Amino acid sequence: MRMTIDLRQIRHALALGRYRNFARAAEALNLTQPSLSRSIAALERTLEVPLFDRTRKGVAPTAFGRVLLEQGELVLRREADLRREIQLLAGLEGGTLSVGAGPYASEISVASAIARVAATYPRLKIRFATADPADVIRDVLAERLDVGIAGIAGLEHDDRLAIESLPSHRIVLACRPGHPLASQARPALARVLDFPLVTTLLRGVGAAVASSQGKPAPRLAPVDQDLVPHILVNSLALARLIARESDAIFPGTTSMLAEDVASGHLTLIDFDMPSLKTDYGVLYLRSRTLAPAARVLIDVVQEIEANAQSDRTPATSSAKRASDTRGGARNTSLTKFKRP
């Protein structure tokens, strides 16, 4: 027969076992003595054994009662620990948050957002991985990630996912100072693509590049609307290093290029292609309750993304007017990258 034991009754039994007297135990519990007697009697009926022997001097636990008192303490401690863990998670002071993001989203906003959340809630355990956007989507669907930030094209009708779109950011091209394109005014796309791109897999921009020049781009292979760069890497930081030391071209946003441009390691190419832009959003499962920590992270990502969008430069031609002192090439005006 299945028994249901009320934790409140266990607390009553523990108090009675401590005081060995109904009156004193009831007073400690802020109950009336009859209420405590009824509670103990109900627990004995549930367990179908006597828990306390009643004597003139008070009460004494039976063999069954001694087992209850020993195990009851452990049960209440575990119940208290469970409540504490739930409360800590709800209060963002504990628990684990798993996040995945594509390379561009990671660098534009997600890493900074995680830093802010971690600084505010240092006891929150965060698992963060940068991965190909397709892998991020798969991990969200497989419940390996609480939150994913990845390309949202084609996911609009997937009822499994809740999607919160994020602002698009213009992609500009950068090269090393002294590069053949560094001083060239408005080079054509075909001329730009004479040089290898170095970056991660560019999701969803293959058709845009191909249509801009009327044919498949040299050195780039359209694969299901994606572009495979000539130099394929899994890290944007490594891509920038390669561009600094070669004739490879790095596509990025003005915010991620700001430091390299300010230091003179890279300069912007006077090239503007509006169709080159980011297109990603926040993803999570509709069927799962979003943890408070996940909601806080999403809100911070949205704030950083909005600020990054307001700071972006729509074109690069005006930035090429400042001269560069290295190798006779021109550099980009650094004021373009400073936030007001």
Protein backbone atom coordinates (compact mmCIF):
# COMPACT_ATOMS: atom_id res chain seq x y z
CA MET A 1 0.00 0.00 0.00
CA ARG A 2 1.42 3.37 -0.96
CA MET A 3 1.95 5.81 1.94
CA THR A 4 2.08 9.58 1.75
CA ILE A 5 4.02 11.17 4.61
CA ASP A 6 3.55 14.86 5.31
CA LEU A 7 6.83 16.66 6.03
CA ARG A 8 4.97 18.76 8.56
CA GLN A 9 4.11 15.61 10.54
CA ILE A 10 7.77 14.60 10.51
CA ARG A 11 8.66 17.99 12.00
CA HIS A 12 6.04 17.43 14.69
CA ALA A 13 7.44 13.99 15.50
CA LEU A 14 10.97 15.35 15.71
CA ALA A 15 9.87 18.05 18.14
CA LEU A 16 8.05 15.50 20.29
CA GLY A 17 11.12 13.25 20.26
CA ARG A 18 13.25 16.21 21.37
CA TYR A 19 11.03 17.41 24.23
CA ARG A 20 9.47 14.05 25.22
CA ASN A 21 6.43 16.01 26.27
CA PHE A 22 3.36 16.98 24.25
CA ALA A 23 2.85 20.31 25.99
CA ARG A 24 6.42 21.53 25.58
CA ALA A 25 6.67 20.24 21.98
CA ALA A 26 3.39 21.92 21.07
CA GLU A 27 4.59 25.20 22.57
CA ALA A 28 7.85 25.02 20.58
CA LEU A 29 5.87 24.36 17.40
CA ASN A 30 3.36 27.13 18.19
CA LEU A 31 0.55 24.59 18.16
CA THR A 32 -2.10 23.58 20.62
CA GLN A 33 -1.52 20.29 22.40
CA PRO A 34 -4.61 18.66 20.84
CA SER A 35 -3.42 19.69 17.37
CA LEU A 36 -0.04 18.07 17.96
CA SER A 37 -1.69 14.92 19.35
CA ARG A 38 -3.91 14.63 16.26
CA SER A 39 -0.88 15.11 13.96
CA ILE A 40 1.14 12.36 15.66
CA ALA A 41 -1.86 10.03 15.68
CA ALA A 42 -2.42 10.64 11.96
CA LEU A 43 1.24 9.86 11.23
CA GLU A 44 1.00 6.62 13.21
CA ARG A 45 -2.11 5.62 11.26
CA THR A 46 -0.32 6.34 7.99
CA LEU A 47 2.68 4.24 8.98
CA GLU A 48 0.51 1.65 10.77
CA VAL A 49 2.94 1.44 13.68
CA PRO A 50 3.18 3.11 17.11
CA LEU A 51 5.85 5.80 17.20
CA PHE A 52 5.70 6.91 20.84
CA ASP A 53 4.79 5.20 24.11
CA ARG A 54 2.70 7.45 26.36
CA THR A 55 3.64 7.33 30.06
CA ARG A 56 2.89 9.42 33.12
CA LYS A 57 6.30 11.06 32.79
CA GLY A 58 5.83 11.95 29.13
CA VAL A 59 6.53 10.05 25.92
CA ALA A 60 9.32 7.78 24.73
CA PRO A 61 9.98 6.74 21.12
CA THR A 62 9.35 3.13 20.21
CA ALA A 63 11.73 1.18 18.00
CA PHE A 64 9.72 2.46 15.05
CA GLY A 65 9.86 5.96 16.47
CA ARG A 66 13.64 5.85 16.81
CA VAL A 67 13.98 4.96 13.11
CA LEU A 68 11.64 7.81 12.22
CA LEU A 69 13.60 10.28 14.31
CA GLU A 70 16.91 9.21 12.78
CA GLN A 71 15.74 9.23 9.18
CA GLY A 72 13.42 12.19 9.63
CA GLU A 73 16.32 14.52 10.39
CA LEU A 74 17.99 13.47 7.15
CA VAL A 75 14.77 13.90 5.15
CA LEU A 76 14.25 17.43 6.44
CA ARG A 77 17.88 18.37 5.76
CA ARG A 78 17.57 17.15 2.18
CA GLU A 79 14.25 18.97 1.78
CA ALA A 80 15.90 22.17 3.06
CA ASP A 81 18.82 21.70 0.66
CA LEU A 82 16.41 21.20 -2.25
CA ARG A 83 14.50 24.37 -1.37
CA ARG A 84 17.74 26.29 -1.11
CA GLU A 85 18.98 25.10 -4.51
CA ILE A 86 15.69 26.05 -6.16
CA GLN A 87 15.67 29.45 -4.48
CA LEU A 88 19.28 30.10 -5.44
CA LEU A 89 18.58 29.21 -9.05
CA ALA A 90 15.49 31.40 -9.12
CA GLY A 91 17.50 34.21 -7.58
CA LEU A 92 20.39 33.89 -10.09
CA GLU A 93 22.78 33.03 -7.26
CA GLY A 94 23.42 29.46 -8.34
CA GLY A 95 22.73 26.84 -10.95
CA THR A 96 24.22 26.35 -14.41
CA LEU A 97 23.53 28.19 -17.66
CA SER A 98 24.59 26.65 -20.99
CA VAL A 99 25.05 29.05 -23.90
CA GLY A 100 26.22 28.59 -27.48
CA ALA A 101 26.73 31.19 -30.19
CA GLY A 102 28.12 31.59 -33.68
CA PRO A 103 31.53 33.29 -34.06
CA TYR A 104 30.26 36.73 -35.10
CA ALA A 105 27.56 36.88 -32.42
CA SER A 106 30.07 35.69 -29.81
CA GLU A 107 32.44 38.51 -30.56
CA ILE A 108 29.88 41.27 -31.11
CA SER A 109 27.79 40.75 -27.99
CA VAL A 110 27.64 37.34 -26.32
CA ALA A 111 31.09 37.28 -24.70
CA SER A 112 30.56 40.76 -23.25
CA ALA A 113 27.08 39.82 -22.06
CA ILE A 114 28.40 36.74 -20.26
CA ALA A 115 31.10 38.85 -18.63
CA ARG A 116 28.47 41.25 -17.28
CA VAL A 117 26.23 38.46 -16.00
CA ALA A 118 29.18 36.68 -14.37
CA ALA A 119 30.30 39.88 -12.67
CA THR A 120 26.83 40.43 -11.22
CA TYR A 121 26.16 36.78 -10.30
CA PRO A 122 29.58 35.24 -9.54
CA ARG A 123 28.13 31.98 -8.19
CA LEU A 124 26.26 31.24 -11.41
CA LYS A 125 28.05 28.53 -13.40
CA ILE A 126 28.14 29.38 -17.10
CA ARG A 127 29.07 27.00 -19.92
CA PHE A 128 29.76 28.94 -23.11
CA ALA A 129 30.91 27.60 -26.48
CA THR A 130 31.47 29.28 -29.83
CA ALA A 131 30.45 26.96 -32.65
CA ASP A 132 29.14 26.87 -36.18
CA PRO A 133 25.59 28.31 -36.13
CA ALA A 134 24.14 25.04 -37.46
CA ASP A 135 25.68 23.20 -34.51
CA VAL A 136 24.28 25.78 -32.10
CA ILE A 137 20.77 25.20 -33.46
CA ARG A 138 21.14 21.42 -33.18
CA ASP A 139 22.35 21.71 -29.58
CA VAL A 140 19.39 23.89 -28.62
CA LEU A 141 16.97 21.38 -30.14
CA ALA A 142 18.78 18.52 -28.37
CA GLU A 143 18.45 20.38 -25.03
CA ARG A 144 22.22 20.61 -24.65
CA LEU A 145 22.00 24.41 -24.61
CA ASP A 146 19.65 26.64 -22.66
CA VAL A 147 20.19 29.53 -25.06
CA GLY A 148 21.66 29.74 -28.55
CA ILE A 149 22.53 32.77 -30.66
CA ALA A 150 22.71 31.81 -34.32
CA GLY A 151 21.39 32.53 -37.80
CA ILE A 152 17.60 32.53 -37.87
CA ALA A 153 16.99 32.40 -41.64
CA GLY A 154 14.62 29.54 -42.43
CA LEU A 155 13.67 28.91 -38.79
CA GLU A 156 10.66 31.20 -38.67
CA HIS A 157 8.16 28.34 -39.00
CA ASP A 158 9.86 25.89 -36.63
CA ASP A 159 7.33 25.58 -33.80
CA ARG A 160 9.90 23.96 -31.53
CA LEU A 161 11.88 27.16 -31.20
CA ALA A 162 11.20 30.51 -29.60
CA ILE A 163 13.10 33.14 -31.61
CA GLU A 164 14.00 36.68 -30.56
CA SER A 165 15.59 38.54 -33.45
CA LEU A 166 18.62 40.77 -32.97
CA PRO A 167 19.75 43.80 -35.01
CA SER A 168 21.67 43.27 -38.25
CA HIS A 169 25.20 44.64 -38.46
CA ARG A 170 26.91 45.72 -41.65
CA ILE A 171 29.98 43.69 -42.58
CA VAL A 172 32.97 45.70 -43.79
CA LEU A 173 36.26 44.44 -45.22
CA ALA A 174 39.70 45.01 -43.74
CA CYS A 175 43.25 44.32 -44.86
CA ARG A 176 46.77 45.07 -43.70
CA PRO A 177 48.22 48.56 -44.32
CA GLY A 178 50.20 48.39 -47.56
CA HIS A 179 47.80 45.87 -49.09
CA PRO A 180 47.07 46.54 -52.82
CA LEU A 181 43.46 47.39 -51.89
CA ALA A 182 44.34 49.66 -48.97
CA SER A 183 44.71 52.77 -51.12
CA GLN A 184 42.33 51.86 -53.92
CA ALA A 185 39.10 53.88 -54.13
CA ARG A 186 35.91 51.82 -54.41
CA PRO A 187 37.31 48.62 -55.92
CA ALA A 188 34.84 46.38 -57.73
CA LEU A 189 33.73 43.15 -56.08
CA ALA A 190 35.62 41.12 -58.67
CA ARG A 191 38.81 42.98 -57.74
CA VAL A 192 38.21 42.41 -54.04
CA LEU A 193 37.71 38.71 -54.64
CA ASP A 194 41.09 38.49 -56.37
CA PHE A 195 42.33 38.18 -52.80
CA PRO A 196 41.39 35.38 -50.41
CA LEU A 197 38.91 35.95 -47.63
CA VAL A 198 39.91 34.66 -44.20
CA THR A 199 37.07 33.95 -41.77
CA THR A 200 34.70 31.30 -40.53
CA LEU A 201 32.00 29.78 -42.70
CA LEU A 202 29.72 32.63 -43.80
CA ARG A 203 26.17 31.41 -43.41
CA GLY A 204 23.49 32.67 -45.76
CA VAL A 205 25.52 35.17 -47.84
CA GLY A 206 26.53 33.00 -50.79
CA ALA A 207 23.63 34.06 -52.99
CA ALA A 208 24.16 37.73 -52.17
CA VAL A 209 27.78 37.68 -53.30
CA ALA A 210 27.07 35.63 -56.40
CA SER A 211 24.19 37.84 -57.51
CA SER A 212 26.25 40.99 -56.99
CA GLN A 213 28.73 39.93 -59.65
CA GLY A 214 26.34 37.90 -61.79
CA LYS A 215 28.20 34.61 -61.34
CA PRO A 216 29.63 32.37 -58.63
CA ALA A 217 32.39 34.16 -56.80
CA PRO A 218 35.97 33.06 -57.46
CA ARG A 219 37.67 31.44 -54.48
CA LEU A 220 34.25 31.07 -52.82
CA ALA A 221 31.96 28.11 -53.15
CA PRO A 222 28.23 28.64 -52.63
CA VAL A 223 26.95 25.69 -50.57
CA ASP A 224 23.27 25.95 -49.64
CA GLN A 225 23.48 29.75 -49.57
CA ASP A 226 26.70 29.63 -47.52
CA LEU A 227 30.15 30.85 -48.48
CA VAL A 228 33.26 28.84 -47.75
CA PRO A 229 36.16 31.32 -47.59
CA HIS A 230 39.47 30.51 -49.23
CA ILE A 231 41.08 30.46 -45.77
CA LEU A 232 38.59 28.80 -43.43
CA VAL A 233 39.26 29.18 -39.71
CA ASN A 234 37.16 28.59 -36.59
CA SER A 235 38.29 31.73 -34.77
CA LEU A 236 37.79 35.36 -35.80
CA ALA A 237 40.75 36.39 -33.67
CA LEU A 238 42.96 34.03 -35.68
CA ALA A 239 41.45 35.34 -38.92
CA ARG A 240 42.47 38.88 -38.02
CA LEU A 241 46.00 37.75 -37.23
CA ILE A 242 46.26 36.05 -40.62
CA ALA A 243 44.96 39.17 -42.36
CA ARG A 244 47.56 41.30 -40.57
CA GLU A 245 50.38 39.15 -41.92
CA SER A 246 49.17 38.37 -45.47
CA ASP A 247 47.11 39.65 -48.39
CA ALA A 248 44.01 37.92 -47.04
CA ILE A 249 40.94 40.07 -46.43
CA PHE A 250 38.97 39.88 -43.21
CA PRO A 251 35.20 40.59 -43.16
CA GLY A 252 33.94 41.94 -39.85
CA THR A 253 31.93 44.64 -38.15
CA THR A 254 33.42 48.01 -37.26
CA SER A 255 33.23 47.18 -33.55
CA MET A 256 35.30 44.01 -33.84
CA LEU A 257 37.83 45.79 -36.08
CA ALA A 258 38.16 48.88 -33.87
CA GLU A 259 41.21 47.77 -31.89
CA ASP A 260 43.20 46.57 -34.90
CA VAL A 261 42.36 49.73 -36.84
CA ALA A 262 43.27 51.95 -33.88
CA SER A 263 46.63 50.21 -33.53
CA GLY A 264 47.36 50.41 -37.27
CA HIS A 265 47.41 46.65 -37.76
CA LEU A 266 44.46 46.69 -40.16
CA THR A 267 42.75 49.29 -42.32
CA LEU A 268 39.32 49.33 -43.90
CA ILE A 269 38.89 48.77 -47.62
CA ASP A 270 36.83 51.43 -49.43
CA PHE A 271 34.16 48.89 -50.31
CA ASP A 272 30.50 48.83 -49.37
CA MET A 273 28.12 45.97 -50.03
CA PRO A 274 24.85 46.44 -48.10
CA SER A 275 23.80 42.81 -48.55
CA LEU A 276 26.77 41.70 -46.44
CA LYS A 277 25.34 41.79 -42.93
CA THR A 278 24.67 39.61 -39.94
CA ASP A 279 21.33 37.87 -39.52
CA TYR A 280 21.11 36.06 -36.21
CA GLY A 281 18.86 35.91 -33.17
CA VAL A 282 18.32 34.28 -29.80
CA LEU A 283 16.95 30.73 -29.82
CA TYR A 284 15.53 28.53 -27.09
CA LEU A 285 13.00 25.73 -26.83
CA ARG A 286 9.37 26.70 -26.45
CA SER A 287 8.72 23.58 -24.40
CA ARG A 288 11.28 24.43 -21.71
CA THR A 289 10.80 27.00 -18.99
CA LEU A 290 13.37 29.71 -19.51
CA ALA A 291 15.55 30.00 -16.40
CA PRO A 292 15.84 33.47 -14.85
CA ALA A 293 19.58 33.48 -15.61
CA ALA A 294 18.85 32.82 -19.28
CA ARG A 295 16.36 35.70 -19.40
CA VAL A 296 18.89 38.07 -17.84
CA LEU A 297 21.56 37.01 -20.35
CA ILE A 298 19.21 37.51 -23.29
CA ASP A 299 18.29 40.99 -22.07
CA VAL A 300 21.96 41.95 -21.76
CA VAL A 301 22.73 40.58 -25.24
CA GLN A 302 19.88 42.64 -26.66
CA GLU A 303 21.18 45.78 -24.96
CA ILE A 304 24.72 45.30 -26.27
CA GLU A 305 23.43 44.48 -29.75
CA ALA A 306 21.32 47.64 -29.81
CA ASN A 307 24.31 49.75 -28.78
CA ALA A 308 26.51 48.08 -31.39
CA GLN A 309 23.92 48.83 -34.05
CA SER A 310 23.77 52.51 -33.11
CA ASP A 311 27.56 52.75 -33.33
CA ARG A 312 27.94 51.12 -36.74
CA THR A 313 29.18 53.04 -39.79
CA PRO A 314 27.05 52.65 -42.95
CA ALA A 315 29.96 52.95 -45.33
CA THR A 316 33.74 53.15 -45.36
CA SER A 317 34.59 55.65 -48.08
CA SER A 318 34.80 58.67 -45.80
CA ALA A 319 37.05 56.73 -43.45
CA LYS A 320 39.67 56.35 -46.16
CA ARG A 321 40.51 60.03 -46.34
CA ALA A 322 42.94 59.96 -43.43
CA SER A 323 46.48 59.12 -44.47
CA ASP A 324 48.45 56.25 -43.02
CA THR A 325 52.04 56.77 -42.02
CA ARG A 326 53.03 53.17 -42.65
CA GLY A 327 54.17 52.26 -46.15
CA GLY A 328 52.38 55.21 -47.76
CA ALA A 329 48.99 53.51 -47.36
CA ARG A 330 45.89 55.23 -46.00
CA ASN A 331 44.34 54.51 -42.64
CA THR A 332 40.79 54.70 -41.34
CA SER A 333 39.54 57.55 -39.18
CA LEU A 334 39.46 56.17 -35.66
CA THR A 335 36.58 58.42 -34.71
CA LYS A 336 34.34 56.10 -36.68
CA PHE A 337 34.82 53.48 -33.98
CA LYS A 338 34.40 55.61 -30.89
CA ARG A 339 31.08 55.55 -29.13
CA PRO A 340 29.55 58.98 -28.55
